């Protein structure tokens, strides 16, 4: 299982030509997006991103979790073997809903959806 963390403060974005992969279809992922009042990426990684990752990597068929925390946001893309389905979306949404966050973290928006990988 691959596990990637990206801190926005130190992230380097590499953009390739994409011509090698142009003909390969991108499989759907489950995207989890949080907007919060907390601005420290380090605190968000500890309080939101890491607990979510621990829960989500244990779900059946999860092959990779890509995550990023920045000033006021946490994003996770969960890849499933063969692509994400509506059932995978429901499982992730249930886990996200059940996650108890610290009272210091005020969530202003949270979405869980099927998406194309970035």
PDB file of N, CA and C in Angstrom:
ATOM      1  N   UNK A   1       0.838  -1.164   0.000  1.00  0.00           N
ATOM      2  CA  UNK A   1       0.000   0.000   0.000  1.00  0.00           C
ATOM      3  C   UNK A   1       0.888   1.234   0.000  1.00  0.00           C
ATOM      4  N   UNK A   2       0.639   2.132  -0.912  1.00  0.00           N
ATOM      5  CA  UNK A   2       1.392   3.375  -0.979  1.00  0.00           C
ATOM      6  C   UNK A   2       0.722   4.390  -0.063  1.00  0.00           C
ATOM      7  N   UNK A   3       1.524   5.245   0.562  1.00  0.00           N
ATOM      8  CA  UNK A   3       1.018   6.231   1.485  1.00  0.00           C
ATOM      9  C   UNK A   3       1.826   7.485   1.292  1.00  0.00           C
ATOM     10  N   UNK A   4       1.211   8.561   0.863  1.00  0.00           N
ATOM     11  CA  UNK A   4       1.932   9.798   0.576  1.00  0.00           C
ATOM     12  C   UNK A   4       1.368  10.921   1.409  1.00  0.00           C
ATOM     13  N   UNK A   5       2.252  11.758   1.935  1.00  0.00           N
ATOM     14  CA  UNK A   5       1.848  12.974   2.617  1.00  0.00           C
ATOM     15  C   UNK A   5       2.516  14.133   1.924  1.00  0.00           C
ATOM     16  N   UNK A   6       1.768  15.198   1.781  1.00  0.00           N
ATOM     17  CA  UNK A   6       2.311  16.394   1.159  1.00  0.00           C
ATOM     18  C   UNK A   6       1.993  17.556   2.088  1.00  0.00           C
ATOM     19  N   UNK A   7       2.986  18.281   2.506  1.00  0.00           N
ATOM     20  CA  UNK A   7       2.768  19.502   3.268  1.00  0.00           C
ATOM     21  C   UNK A   7       2.851  20.650   2.280  1.00  0.00           C
ATOM     22  N   UNK A   8       1.804  21.443   2.211  1.00  0.00           N
ATOM     23  CA  UNK A   8       1.742  22.499   1.218  1.00  0.00           C
ATOM     24  C   UNK A   8       2.896  23.463   1.372  1.00  0.00           C
ATOM     25  N   UNK A   9       3.325  23.709   2.585  1.00  0.00           N
ATOM     26  CA  UNK A   9       4.411  24.655   2.810  1.00  0.00           C
ATOM     27  C   UNK A   9       5.698  24.200   2.135  1.00  0.00           C
ATOM     28  N   UNK A  10       5.889  22.886   2.039  1.00  0.00           N
ATOM     29  CA  UNK A  10       7.129  22.369   1.473  1.00  0.00           C
ATOM     30  C   UNK A  10       6.901  21.589   0.187  1.00  0.00           C
ATOM     31  N   UNK A  11       5.705  21.657  -0.358  1.00  0.00           N
ATOM     32  CA  UNK A  11       5.391  20.859  -1.544  1.00  0.00           C
ATOM     33  C   UNK A  11       6.061  21.433  -2.784  1.00  0.00           C
ATOM     34  N   UNK A  12       6.535  20.534  -3.602  1.00  0.00           N
ATOM     35  CA  UNK A  12       7.077  20.905  -4.896  1.00  0.00           C
ATOM     36  C   UNK A  12       6.174  20.240  -5.925  1.00  0.00           C
ATOM     37  N   UNK A  13       5.662  21.036  -6.817  1.00  0.00           N
ATOM     38  CA  UNK A  13       4.767  20.494  -7.834  1.00  0.00           C
ATOM     39  C   UNK A  13       5.556  20.318  -9.118  1.00  0.00           C
ATOM     40  N   UNK A  14       5.560  19.106  -9.592  1.00  0.00           N
ATOM     41  CA  UNK A  14       6.248  18.795 -10.835  1.00  0.00           C
ATOM     42  C   UNK A  14       5.199  18.555 -11.907  1.00  0.00           C
ATOM     43  N   UNK A  15       5.303  19.248 -12.980  1.00  0.00           N
ATOM     44  CA  UNK A  15       4.352  19.094 -14.076  1.00  0.00           C
ATOM     45  C   UNK A  15       5.101  18.512 -15.266  1.00  0.00           C
ATOM     46  N   UNK A  16       4.675  17.335 -15.691  1.00  0.00           N
ATOM     47  CA  UNK A  16       5.301  16.695 -16.837  1.00  0.00           C
ATOM     48  C   UNK A  16       4.475  16.918 -18.080  1.00  0.00           C
ATOM     49  N   UNK A  17       4.990  16.461 -19.170  1.00  0.00           N
ATOM     50  CA  UNK A  17       4.274  16.650 -20.429  1.00  0.00           C
ATOM     51  C   UNK A  17       2.995  15.839 -20.478  1.00  0.00           C
ATOM     52  N   UNK A  18       2.962  14.702 -19.754  1.00  0.00           N
ATOM     53  CA  UNK A  18       1.763  13.890 -19.706  1.00  0.00           C
ATOM     54  C   UNK A  18       1.534  13.058 -20.945  1.00  0.00           C
ATOM     55  N   UNK A  19       2.378  13.171 -21.940  1.00  0.00           N
ATOM     56  CA  UNK A  19       2.139  12.454 -23.186  1.00  0.00           C
ATOM     57  C   UNK A  19       2.225  10.947 -23.000  1.00  0.00           C
ATOM     58  N   UNK A  20       3.026  10.477 -22.055  1.00  0.00           N
ATOM     59  CA  UNK A  20       3.155   9.039 -21.815  1.00  0.00           C
ATOM     60  C   UNK A  20       1.837   8.482 -21.292  1.00  0.00           C
ATOM     61  N   UNK A  21       1.124   9.268 -20.486  1.00  0.00           N
ATOM     62  CA  UNK A  21      -0.082   8.786 -19.843  1.00  0.00           C
ATOM     63  C   UNK A  21      -1.365   9.303 -20.498  1.00  0.00           C
ATOM     64  N   UNK A  22      -1.261  10.000 -21.584  1.00  0.00           N
ATOM     65  CA  UNK A  22      -2.415  10.651 -22.196  1.00  0.00           C
ATOM     66  C   UNK A  22      -3.518   9.672 -22.578  1.00  0.00           C
ATOM     67  N   UNK A  23      -3.182   8.458 -22.962  1.00  0.00           N
ATOM     68  CA  UNK A  23      -4.181   7.510 -23.416  1.00  0.00           C
ATOM     69  C   UNK A  23      -4.735   6.637 -22.301  1.00  0.00           C
ATOM     70  N   UNK A  24      -4.164   6.744 -21.095  1.00  0.00           N
ATOM     71  CA  UNK A  24      -4.619   5.913 -19.991  1.00  0.00           C
ATOM     72  C   UNK A  24      -5.727   6.631 -19.234  1.00  0.00           C
ATOM     73  N   UNK A  25      -6.892   5.961 -19.045  1.00  0.00           N
ATOM     74  CA  UNK A  25      -7.980   6.617 -18.320  1.00  0.00           C
ATOM     75  C   UNK A  25      -7.628   6.761 -16.841  1.00  0.00           C
ATOM     76  N   UNK A  26      -8.075   7.863 -16.247  1.00  0.00           N
ATOM     77  CA  UNK A  26      -7.878   8.072 -14.821  1.00  0.00           C
ATOM     78  C   UNK A  26      -9.074   7.490 -14.094  1.00  0.00           C
ATOM     79  N   UNK A  27      -8.810   6.659 -13.086  1.00  0.00           N
ATOM     80  CA  UNK A  27      -9.874   6.043 -12.312  1.00  0.00           C
ATOM     81  C   UNK A  27     -10.340   7.007 -11.232  1.00  0.00           C
ATOM     82  N   UNK A  28     -11.601   6.907 -10.872  1.00  0.00           N
ATOM     83  CA  UNK A  28     -12.167   7.780  -9.853  1.00  0.00           C
ATOM     84  C   UNK A  28     -11.536   7.509  -8.494  1.00  0.00           C
ATOM     85  N   UNK A  29     -11.442   8.556  -7.698  1.00  0.00           N
ATOM     86  CA  UNK A  29     -10.990   8.468  -6.313  1.00  0.00           C
ATOM     87  C   UNK A  29     -12.097   9.050  -5.437  1.00  0.00           C
ATOM     88  N   UNK A  30     -12.011   8.785  -4.142  1.00  0.00           N
ATOM     89  CA  UNK A  30     -12.887   9.460  -3.195  1.00  0.00           C
ATOM     90  C   UNK A  30     -12.095  10.634  -2.647  1.00  0.00           C
ATOM     91  N   UNK A  31     -12.637  11.826  -2.821  1.00  0.00           N
ATOM     92  CA  UNK A  31     -11.965  13.049  -2.373  1.00  0.00           C
ATOM     93  C   UNK A  31     -12.627  13.542  -1.089  1.00  0.00           C
ATOM     94  N   UNK A  32     -11.795  13.795  -0.079  1.00  0.00           N
ATOM     95  CA  UNK A  32     -12.268  14.339   1.191  1.00  0.00           C
ATOM     96  C   UNK A  32     -11.640  15.718   1.332  1.00  0.00           C
ATOM     97  N   UNK A  33     -12.467  16.736   1.540  1.00  0.00           N
ATOM     98  CA  UNK A  33     -11.996  18.111   1.628  1.00  0.00           C
ATOM     99  C   UNK A  33     -12.540  18.757   2.900  1.00  0.00           C
ATOM    100  N   UNK A  34     -11.643  19.299   3.696  1.00  0.00           N
ATOM    101  CA  UNK A  34     -12.011  20.044   4.894  1.00  0.00           C
ATOM    102  C   UNK A  34     -11.541  21.483   4.748  1.00  0.00           C
ATOM    103  N   UNK A  35     -12.386  22.420   5.116  1.00  0.00           N
ATOM    104  CA  UNK A  35     -11.988  23.805   5.326  1.00  0.00           C
ATOM    105  C   UNK A  35     -12.201  24.065   6.811  1.00  0.00           C
ATOM    106  N   UNK A  36     -11.193  24.632   7.459  1.00  0.00           N
ATOM    107  CA  UNK A  36     -11.233  24.819   8.909  1.00  0.00           C
ATOM    108  C   UNK A  36     -10.707  26.198   9.272  1.00  0.00           C
ATOM    109  N   UNK A  37     -10.987  26.612  10.502  1.00  0.00           N
ATOM    110  CA  UNK A  37     -10.492  27.906  10.960  1.00  0.00           C
ATOM    111  C   UNK A  37      -9.021  27.835  11.374  1.00  0.00           C
ATOM    112  N   UNK A  38      -8.531  26.664  11.719  1.00  0.00           N
ATOM    113  CA  UNK A  38      -7.129  26.497  12.117  1.00  0.00           C
ATOM    114  C   UNK A  38      -6.226  26.780  10.910  1.00  0.00           C
ATOM    115  N   UNK A  39      -5.185  27.548  11.110  1.00  0.00           N
ATOM    116  CA  UNK A  39      -4.307  27.935  10.012  1.00  0.00           C
ATOM    117  C   UNK A  39      -2.973  27.200   9.987  1.00  0.00           C
ATOM    118  N   UNK A  40      -2.621  26.485  11.019  1.00  0.00           N
ATOM    119  CA  UNK A  40      -1.328  25.813  11.084  1.00  0.00           C
ATOM    120  C   UNK A  40      -1.376  24.458  10.372  1.00  0.00           C
ATOM    121  N   UNK A  41      -0.643  24.292   9.260  1.00  0.00           N
ATOM    122  CA  UNK A  41      -0.613  22.995   8.570  1.00  0.00           C
ATOM    123  C   UNK A  41      -0.134  21.869   9.477  1.00  0.00           C
ATOM    124  N   UNK A  42       0.802  22.167  10.354  1.00  0.00           N
ATOM    125  CA  UNK A  42       1.332  21.135  11.255  1.00  0.00           C
ATOM    126  C   UNK A  42       0.251  20.640  12.217  1.00  0.00           C
ATOM    127  N   UNK A  43      -0.521  21.565  12.775  1.00  0.00           N
ATOM    128  CA  UNK A  43      -1.607  21.167  13.683  1.00  0.00           C
ATOM    129  C   UNK A  43      -2.700  20.410  12.932  1.00  0.00           C
ATOM    130  N   UNK A  44      -3.001  20.843  11.708  1.00  0.00           N
ATOM    131  CA  UNK A  44      -4.015  20.150  10.914  1.00  0.00           C
ATOM    132  C   UNK A  44      -3.570  18.747  10.540  1.00  0.00           C
ATOM    133  N   UNK A  45      -2.291  18.591  10.255  1.00  0.00           N
ATOM    134  CA  UNK A  45      -1.779  17.260   9.947  1.00  0.00           C
ATOM    135  C   UNK A  45      -1.968  16.338  11.144  1.00  0.00           C
ATOM    136  N   UNK A  46      -1.656  16.827  12.325  1.00  0.00           N
ATOM    137  CA  UNK A  46      -1.747  16.012  13.537  1.00  0.00           C
ATOM    138  C   UNK A  46      -3.197  15.767  13.961  1.00  0.00           C
ATOM    139  N   UNK A  47      -4.039  16.804  13.900  1.00  0.00           N
ATOM    140  CA  UNK A  47      -5.391  16.710  14.436  1.00  0.00           C
ATOM    141  C   UNK A  47      -6.433  16.162  13.467  1.00  0.00           C
ATOM    142  N   UNK A  48      -6.203  16.326  12.151  1.00  0.00           N
ATOM    143  CA  UNK A  48      -7.211  15.917  11.168  1.00  0.00           C
ATOM    144  C   UNK A  48      -6.656  14.889  10.186  1.00  0.00           C
ATOM    145  N   UNK A  49      -5.575  15.241   9.511  1.00  0.00           N
ATOM    146  CA  UNK A  49      -5.077  14.409   8.413  1.00  0.00           C
ATOM    147  C   UNK A  49      -4.600  13.035   8.887  1.00  0.00           C
ATOM    148  N   UNK A  50      -3.758  12.983   9.888  1.00  0.00           N
ATOM    149  CA  UNK A  50      -3.223  11.693  10.344  1.00  0.00           C
ATOM    150  C   UNK A  50      -4.305  10.754  10.877  1.00  0.00           C
ATOM    151  N   UNK A  51      -5.239  11.238  11.725  1.00  0.00           N
ATOM    152  CA  UNK A  51      -6.308  10.327  12.170  1.00  0.00           C
ATOM    153  C   UNK A  51      -7.163   9.801  11.011  1.00  0.00           C
ATOM    154  N   UNK A  52      -7.460  10.670  10.047  1.00  0.00           N
ATOM    155  CA  UNK A  52      -8.234  10.222   8.885  1.00  0.00           C
ATOM    156  C   UNK A  52      -7.478   9.176   8.082  1.00  0.00           C
ATOM    157  N   UNK A  53      -6.206   9.418   7.849  1.00  0.00           N
ATOM    158  CA  UNK A  53      -5.402   8.462   7.081  1.00  0.00           C
ATOM    159  C   UNK A  53      -5.398   7.091   7.750  1.00  0.00           C
ATOM    160  N   UNK A  54      -5.206   7.060   9.072  1.00  0.00           N
ATOM    161  CA  UNK A  54      -5.176   5.777   9.796  1.00  0.00           C
ATOM    162  C   UNK A  54      -6.468   4.997   9.602  1.00  0.00           C
ATOM    163  N   UNK A  55      -7.594   5.693   9.627  1.00  0.00           N
ATOM    164  CA  UNK A  55      -8.893   5.039   9.461  1.00  0.00           C
ATOM    165  C   UNK A  55      -9.103   4.585   8.017  1.00  0.00           C
ATOM    166  N   UNK A  56      -8.779   5.464   7.066  1.00  0.00           N
ATOM    167  CA  UNK A  56      -9.105   5.199   5.667  1.00  0.00           C
ATOM    168  C   UNK A  56      -8.219   4.133   5.032  1.00  0.00           C
ATOM    169  N   UNK A  57      -6.955   4.042   5.405  1.00  0.00           N
ATOM    170  CA  UNK A  57      -6.090   3.017   4.809  1.00  0.00           C
ATOM    171  C   UNK A  57      -6.529   1.612   5.194  1.00  0.00           C
ATOM    172  N   UNK A  58      -7.338   1.495   6.258  1.00  0.00           N
ATOM    173  CA  UNK A  58      -7.808   0.184   6.694  1.00  0.00           C
ATOM    174  C   UNK A  58      -9.042  -0.295   5.932  1.00  0.00           C
ATOM    175  N   UNK A  59      -9.638   0.574   5.117  1.00  0.00           N
ATOM    176  CA  UNK A  59     -10.819   0.175   4.352  1.00  0.00           C
ATOM    177  C   UNK A  59     -10.438  -0.834   3.265  1.00  0.00           C
ATOM    178  N   UNK A  60     -11.352  -1.744   2.934  1.00  0.00           N
ATOM    179  CA  UNK A  60     -11.076  -2.721   1.878  1.00  0.00           C
ATOM    180  C   UNK A  60     -10.790  -2.042   0.537  1.00  0.00           C
ATOM    181  N   UNK A  61      -9.854  -2.576  -0.193  1.00  0.00           N
ATOM    182  CA  UNK A  61      -9.480  -2.182  -1.555  1.00  0.00           C
ATOM    183  C   UNK A  61      -8.736  -0.856  -1.654  1.00  0.00           C
ATOM    184  N   UNK A  62      -8.457  -0.180  -0.541  1.00  0.00           N
ATOM    185  CA  UNK A  62      -7.692   1.071  -0.622  1.00  0.00           C
ATOM    186  C   UNK A  62      -6.279   0.738  -1.064  1.00  0.00           C
ATOM    187  N   UNK A  63      -5.825   1.408  -2.125  1.00  0.00           N
ATOM    188  CA  UNK A  63      -4.483   1.151  -2.641  1.00  0.00           C
ATOM    189  C   UNK A  63      -3.526   2.300  -2.355  1.00  0.00           C
ATOM    190  N   UNK A  64      -4.075   3.512  -2.157  1.00  0.00           N
ATOM    191  CA  UNK A  64      -3.206   4.665  -1.926  1.00  0.00           C
ATOM    192  C   UNK A  64      -4.023   5.805  -1.337  1.00  0.00           C
ATOM    193  N   UNK A  65      -3.382   6.550  -0.438  1.00  0.00           N
ATOM    194  CA  UNK A  65      -3.985   7.762   0.111  1.00  0.00           C
ATOM    195  C   UNK A  65      -2.998   8.898  -0.109  1.00  0.00           C
ATOM    196  N   UNK A  66      -3.436   9.926  -0.815  1.00  0.00           N
ATOM    197  CA  UNK A  66      -2.626  11.131  -1.028  1.00  0.00           C
ATOM    198  C   UNK A  66      -3.276  12.244  -0.229  1.00  0.00           C
ATOM    199  N   UNK A  67      -2.466  12.941   0.563  1.00  0.00           N
ATOM    200  CA  UNK A  67      -3.045  13.961   1.432  1.00  0.00           C
ATOM    201  C   UNK A  67      -2.191  15.214   1.467  1.00  0.00           C
ATOM    202  N   UNK A  68      -2.849  16.311   1.795  1.00  0.00           N
ATOM    203  CA  UNK A  68      -2.164  17.598   1.914  1.00  0.00           C
ATOM    204  C   UNK A  68      -2.873  18.429   2.968  1.00  0.00           C
ATOM    205  N   UNK A  69      -2.084  19.162   3.741  1.00  0.00           N
ATOM    206  CA  UNK A  69      -2.630  20.096   4.722  1.00  0.00           C
ATOM    207  C   UNK A  69      -1.974  21.445   4.490  1.00  0.00           C
ATOM    208  N   UNK A  70      -2.767  22.484   4.556  1.00  0.00           N
ATOM    209  CA  UNK A  70      -2.239  23.826   4.380  1.00  0.00           C
ATOM    210  C   UNK A  70      -2.948  24.787   5.306  1.00  0.00           C
ATOM    211  N   UNK A  71      -2.786  26.034   5.082  1.00  0.00           N
ATOM    212  CA  UNK A  71      -3.400  27.055   5.921  1.00  0.00           C
ATOM    213  C   UNK A  71      -4.917  27.022   5.767  1.00  0.00           C
ATOM    214  N   UNK A  72      -5.574  26.340   6.689  1.00  0.00           N
ATOM    215  CA  UNK A  72      -7.031  26.305   6.690  1.00  0.00           C
ATOM    216  C   UNK A  72      -7.676  25.198   5.895  1.00  0.00           C
ATOM    217  N   UNK A  73      -6.906  24.223   5.417  1.00  0.00           N
ATOM    218  CA  UNK A  73      -7.537  23.134   4.672  1.00  0.00           C
ATOM    219  C   UNK A  73      -6.790  21.811   4.842  1.00  0.00           C
ATOM    220  N   UNK A  74      -7.541  20.724   4.641  1.00  0.00           N
ATOM    221  CA  UNK A  74      -6.994  19.367   4.567  1.00  0.00           C
ATOM    222  C   UNK A  74      -7.671  18.700   3.379  1.00  0.00           C
ATOM    223  N   UNK A  75      -6.880  18.090   2.496  1.00  0.00           N
ATOM    224  CA  UNK A  75      -7.394  17.365   1.328  1.00  0.00           C
ATOM    225  C   UNK A  75      -6.841  15.951   1.342  1.00  0.00           C
ATOM    226  N   UNK A  76      -7.688  14.984   1.071  1.00  0.00           N
ATOM    227  CA  UNK A  76      -7.259  13.601   0.922  1.00  0.00           C
ATOM    228  C   UNK A  76      -7.903  13.027  -0.333  1.00  0.00           C
ATOM    229  N   UNK A  77      -7.121  12.313  -1.125  1.00  0.00           N
ATOM    230  CA  UNK A  77      -7.633  11.544  -2.256  1.00  0.00           C
ATOM    231  C   UNK A  77      -7.363  10.080  -1.949  1.00  0.00           C
ATOM    232  N   UNK A  78      -8.419   9.275  -1.899  1.00  0.00           N
ATOM    233  CA  UNK A  78      -8.309   7.860  -1.569  1.00  0.00           C
ATOM    234  C   UNK A  78      -8.515   7.066  -2.847  1.00  0.00           C
ATOM    235  N   UNK A  79      -7.481   6.339  -3.239  1.00  0.00           N
ATOM    236  CA  UNK A  79      -7.558   5.508  -4.442  1.00  0.00           C
ATOM    237  C   UNK A  79      -7.901   4.082  -4.043  1.00  0.00           C
ATOM    238  N   UNK A  80      -8.753   3.475  -4.843  1.00  0.00           N
ATOM    239  CA  UNK A  80      -9.184   2.096  -4.625  1.00  0.00           C
ATOM    240  C   UNK A  80      -8.756   1.243  -5.801  1.00  0.00           C
ATOM    241  N   UNK A  81      -8.455  -0.017  -5.522  1.00  0.00           N
ATOM    242  CA  UNK A  81      -8.121  -0.952  -6.592  1.00  0.00           C
ATOM    243  C   UNK A  81      -9.276  -0.991  -7.581  1.00  0.00           C
ATOM    244  N   UNK A  82      -8.998  -0.731  -8.847  1.00  0.00           N
ATOM    245  CA  UNK A  82     -10.035  -0.749  -9.876  1.00  0.00           C
ATOM    246  C   UNK A  82     -10.866   0.515  -9.938  1.00  0.00           C
ATOM    247  N   UNK A  83     -10.555   1.515  -9.131  1.00  0.00           N
ATOM    248  CA  UNK A  83     -11.311   2.764  -9.118  1.00  0.00           C
ATOM    249  C   UNK A  83     -12.357   2.776  -8.029  1.00  0.00           C
ATOM    250  N   UNK A  84     -12.696   3.951  -7.564  1.00  0.00           N
ATOM    251  CA  UNK A  84     -13.668   4.108  -6.482  1.00  0.00           C
ATOM    252  C   UNK A  84     -15.093   3.954  -6.997  1.00  0.00           C
ATOM    253  N   UNK A  85     -15.932   3.367  -6.175  1.00  0.00           N
ATOM    254  CA  UNK A  85     -17.344   3.155  -6.513  1.00  0.00           C
ATOM    255  C   UNK A  85     -18.227   3.944  -5.545  1.00  0.00           C
ATOM    256  N   UNK A  86     -19.518   3.935  -5.800  1.00  0.00           N
ATOM    257  CA  UNK A  86     -20.475   4.576  -4.893  1.00  0.00           C
ATOM    258  C   UNK A  86     -20.414   3.929  -3.507  1.00  0.00           C
ATOM    259  N   UNK A  87     -20.197   2.614  -3.455  1.00  0.00           N
ATOM    260  CA  UNK A  87     -20.088   1.929  -2.170  1.00  0.00           C
ATOM    261  C   UNK A  87     -18.847   2.399  -1.414  1.00  0.00           C
ATOM    262  N   UNK A  88     -17.741   2.609  -2.132  1.00  0.00           N
ATOM    263  CA  UNK A  88     -16.527   3.126  -1.497  1.00  0.00           C
ATOM    264  C   UNK A  88     -16.780   4.532  -0.957  1.00  0.00           C
ATOM    265  N   UNK A  89     -17.476   5.340  -1.736  1.00  0.00           N
ATOM    266  CA  UNK A  89     -17.829   6.691  -1.309  1.00  0.00           C
ATOM    267  C   UNK A  89     -18.628   6.649  -0.005  1.00  0.00           C
ATOM    268  N   UNK A  90     -19.610   5.756   0.070  1.00  0.00           N
ATOM    269  CA  UNK A  90     -20.430   5.628   1.272  1.00  0.00           C
ATOM    270  C   UNK A  90     -19.600   5.206   2.476  1.00  0.00           C
ATOM    271  N   UNK A  91     -18.676   4.266   2.284  1.00  0.00           N
ATOM    272  CA  UNK A  91     -17.819   3.807   3.386  1.00  0.00           C
ATOM    273  C   UNK A  91     -16.932   4.935   3.897  1.00  0.00           C
ATOM    274  N   UNK A  92     -16.333   5.684   2.983  1.00  0.00           N
ATOM    275  CA  UNK A  92     -15.476   6.800   3.378  1.00  0.00           C
ATOM    276  C   UNK A  92     -16.301   7.863   4.093  1.00  0.00           C
ATOM    277  N   UNK A  93     -17.452   8.202   3.542  1.00  0.00           N
ATOM    278  CA  UNK A  93     -18.308   9.222   4.156  1.00  0.00           C
ATOM    279  C   UNK A  93     -18.702   8.823   5.576  1.00  0.00           C
ATOM    280  N   UNK A  94     -19.002   7.558   5.787  1.00  0.00           N
ATOM    281  CA  UNK A  94     -19.366   7.061   7.113  1.00  0.00           C
ATOM    282  C   UNK A  94     -18.196   7.213   8.085  1.00  0.00           C
ATOM    283  N   UNK A  95     -16.986   6.862   7.634  1.00  0.00           N
ATOM    284  CA  UNK A  95     -15.800   6.986   8.484  1.00  0.00           C
ATOM    285  C   UNK A  95     -15.508   8.451   8.815  1.00  0.00           C
ATOM    286  N   UNK A  96     -15.635   9.317   7.835  1.00  0.00           N
ATOM    287  CA  UNK A  96     -15.398  10.751   8.047  1.00  0.00           C
ATOM    288  C   UNK A  96     -16.413  11.302   9.043  1.00  0.00           C
ATOM    289  N   UNK A  97     -17.659  10.902   8.896  1.00  0.00           N
ATOM    290  CA  UNK A  97     -18.722  11.372   9.788  1.00  0.00           C
ATOM    291  C   UNK A  97     -18.474  10.936  11.232  1.00  0.00           C
ATOM    292  N   UNK A  98     -17.950   9.747  11.423  1.00  0.00           N
ATOM    293  CA  UNK A  98     -17.741   9.202  12.759  1.00  0.00           C
ATOM    294  C   UNK A  98     -16.470   9.717  13.431  1.00  0.00           C
ATOM    295  N   UNK A  99     -15.573  10.327  12.679  1.00  0.00           N
ATOM    296  CA  UNK A  99     -14.314  10.804  13.247  1.00  0.00           C
ATOM    297  C   UNK A  99     -14.567  11.967  14.204  1.00  0.00           C
ATOM    298  N   UNK A 100     -14.115  11.809  15.431  1.00  0.00           N
ATOM    299  CA  UNK A 100     -14.259  12.872  16.434  1.00  0.00           C
ATOM    300  C   UNK A 100     -12.998  13.727  16.407  1.00  0.00           C
ATOM    301  N   UNK A 101     -13.151  14.985  16.030  1.00  0.00           N
ATOM    302  CA  UNK A 101     -12.023  15.907  15.979  1.00  0.00           C
ATOM    303  C   UNK A 101     -11.929  16.686  17.286  1.00  0.00           C
ATOM    304  N   UNK A 102     -10.752  17.202  17.554  1.00  0.00           N
ATOM    305  CA  UNK A 102     -10.521  18.049  18.710  1.00  0.00           C
ATOM    306  C   UNK A 102     -11.475  19.241  18.673  1.00  0.00           C
ATOM    307  N   UNK A 103     -11.925  19.668  19.836  1.00  0.00           N
ATOM    308  CA  UNK A 103     -12.823  20.824  19.901  1.00  0.00           C
ATOM    309  C   UNK A 103     -12.118  22.104  19.459  1.00  0.00           C
ATOM    310  N   UNK A 104     -10.799  22.090  19.383  1.00  0.00           N
ATOM    311  CA  UNK A 104     -10.038  23.250  18.919  1.00  0.00           C
ATOM    312  C   UNK A 104     -10.116  23.429  17.398  1.00  0.00           C
ATOM    313  N   UNK A 105     -10.493  22.373  16.687  1.00  0.00           N
ATOM    314  CA  UNK A 105     -10.591  22.424  15.228  1.00  0.00           C
ATOM    315  C   UNK A 105     -12.040  22.733  14.852  1.00  0.00           C
ATOM    316  N   UNK A 106     -12.265  23.891  14.269  1.00  0.00           N
ATOM    317  CA  UNK A 106     -13.606  24.293  13.854  1.00  0.00           C
ATOM    318  C   UNK A 106     -13.722  24.085  12.350  1.00  0.00           C
ATOM    319  N   UNK A 107     -14.560  23.130  11.961  1.00  0.00           N
ATOM    320  CA  UNK A 107     -14.760  22.797  10.554  1.00  0.00           C
ATOM    321  C   UNK A 107     -15.811  23.746   9.982  1.00  0.00           C
ATOM    322  N   UNK A 108     -15.433  24.460   8.937  1.00  0.00           N
ATOM    323  CA  UNK A 108     -16.393  25.354   8.278  1.00  0.00           C
ATOM    324  C   UNK A 108     -17.043  24.699   7.072  1.00  0.00           C
ATOM    325  N   UNK A 109     -16.373  23.683   6.506  1.00  0.00           N
ATOM    326  CA  UNK A 109     -16.915  22.964   5.361  1.00  0.00           C
ATOM    327  C   UNK A 109     -16.228  21.607   5.259  1.00  0.00           C
ATOM    328  N   UNK A 110     -17.016  20.596   4.919  1.00  0.00           N
ATOM    329  CA  UNK A 110     -16.464  19.255   4.716  1.00  0.00           C
ATOM    330  C   UNK A 110     -17.228  18.602   3.581  1.00  0.00           C
ATOM    331  N   UNK A 111     -16.499  18.059   2.607  1.00  0.00           N
ATOM    332  CA  UNK A 111     -17.140  17.349   1.508  1.00  0.00           C
ATOM    333  C   UNK A 111     -16.461  16.002   1.300  1.00  0.00           C
ATOM    334  N   UNK A 112     -17.238  15.043   0.863  1.00  0.00           N
ATOM    335  CA  UNK A 112     -16.748  13.720   0.485  1.00  0.00           C
ATOM    336  C   UNK A 112     -17.422  13.414  -0.846  1.00  0.00           C
ATOM    337  N   UNK A 113     -16.619  13.194  -1.884  1.00  0.00           N
ATOM    338  CA  UNK A 113     -17.200  13.014  -3.218  1.00  0.00           C
ATOM    339  C   UNK A 113     -16.330  12.119  -4.084  1.00  0.00           C
ATOM    340  N   UNK A 114     -16.925  11.591  -5.157  1.00  0.00           N
ATOM    341  CA  UNK A 114     -16.154  10.910  -6.170  1.00  0.00           C
ATOM    342  C   UNK A 114     -15.535  11.983  -7.061  1.00  0.00           C
ATOM    343  N   UNK A 115     -14.276  11.785  -7.417  1.00  0.00           N
ATOM    344  CA  UNK A 115     -13.571  12.795  -8.223  1.00  0.00           C
ATOM    345  C   UNK A 115     -12.540  12.122  -9.100  1.00  0.00           C
ATOM    346  N   UNK A 116     -12.050  12.872 -10.063  1.00  0.00           N
ATOM    347  CA  UNK A 116     -10.909  12.426 -10.863  1.00  0.00           C
ATOM    348  C   UNK A 116      -9.651  12.740 -10.078  1.00  0.00           C
ATOM    349  N   UNK A 117      -8.659  11.858 -10.125  1.00  0.00           N
ATOM    350  CA  UNK A 117      -7.425  12.153  -9.388  1.00  0.00           C
ATOM    351  C   UNK A 117      -6.723  13.348  -9.993  1.00  0.00           C
ATOM    352  N   UNK A 118      -6.022  14.068  -9.133  1.00  0.00           N
ATOM    353  CA  UNK A 118      -5.268  15.242  -9.605  1.00  0.00           C
ATOM    354  C   UNK A 118      -4.031  14.826 -10.340  1.00  0.00           C
TER     355      UNK A 118
END
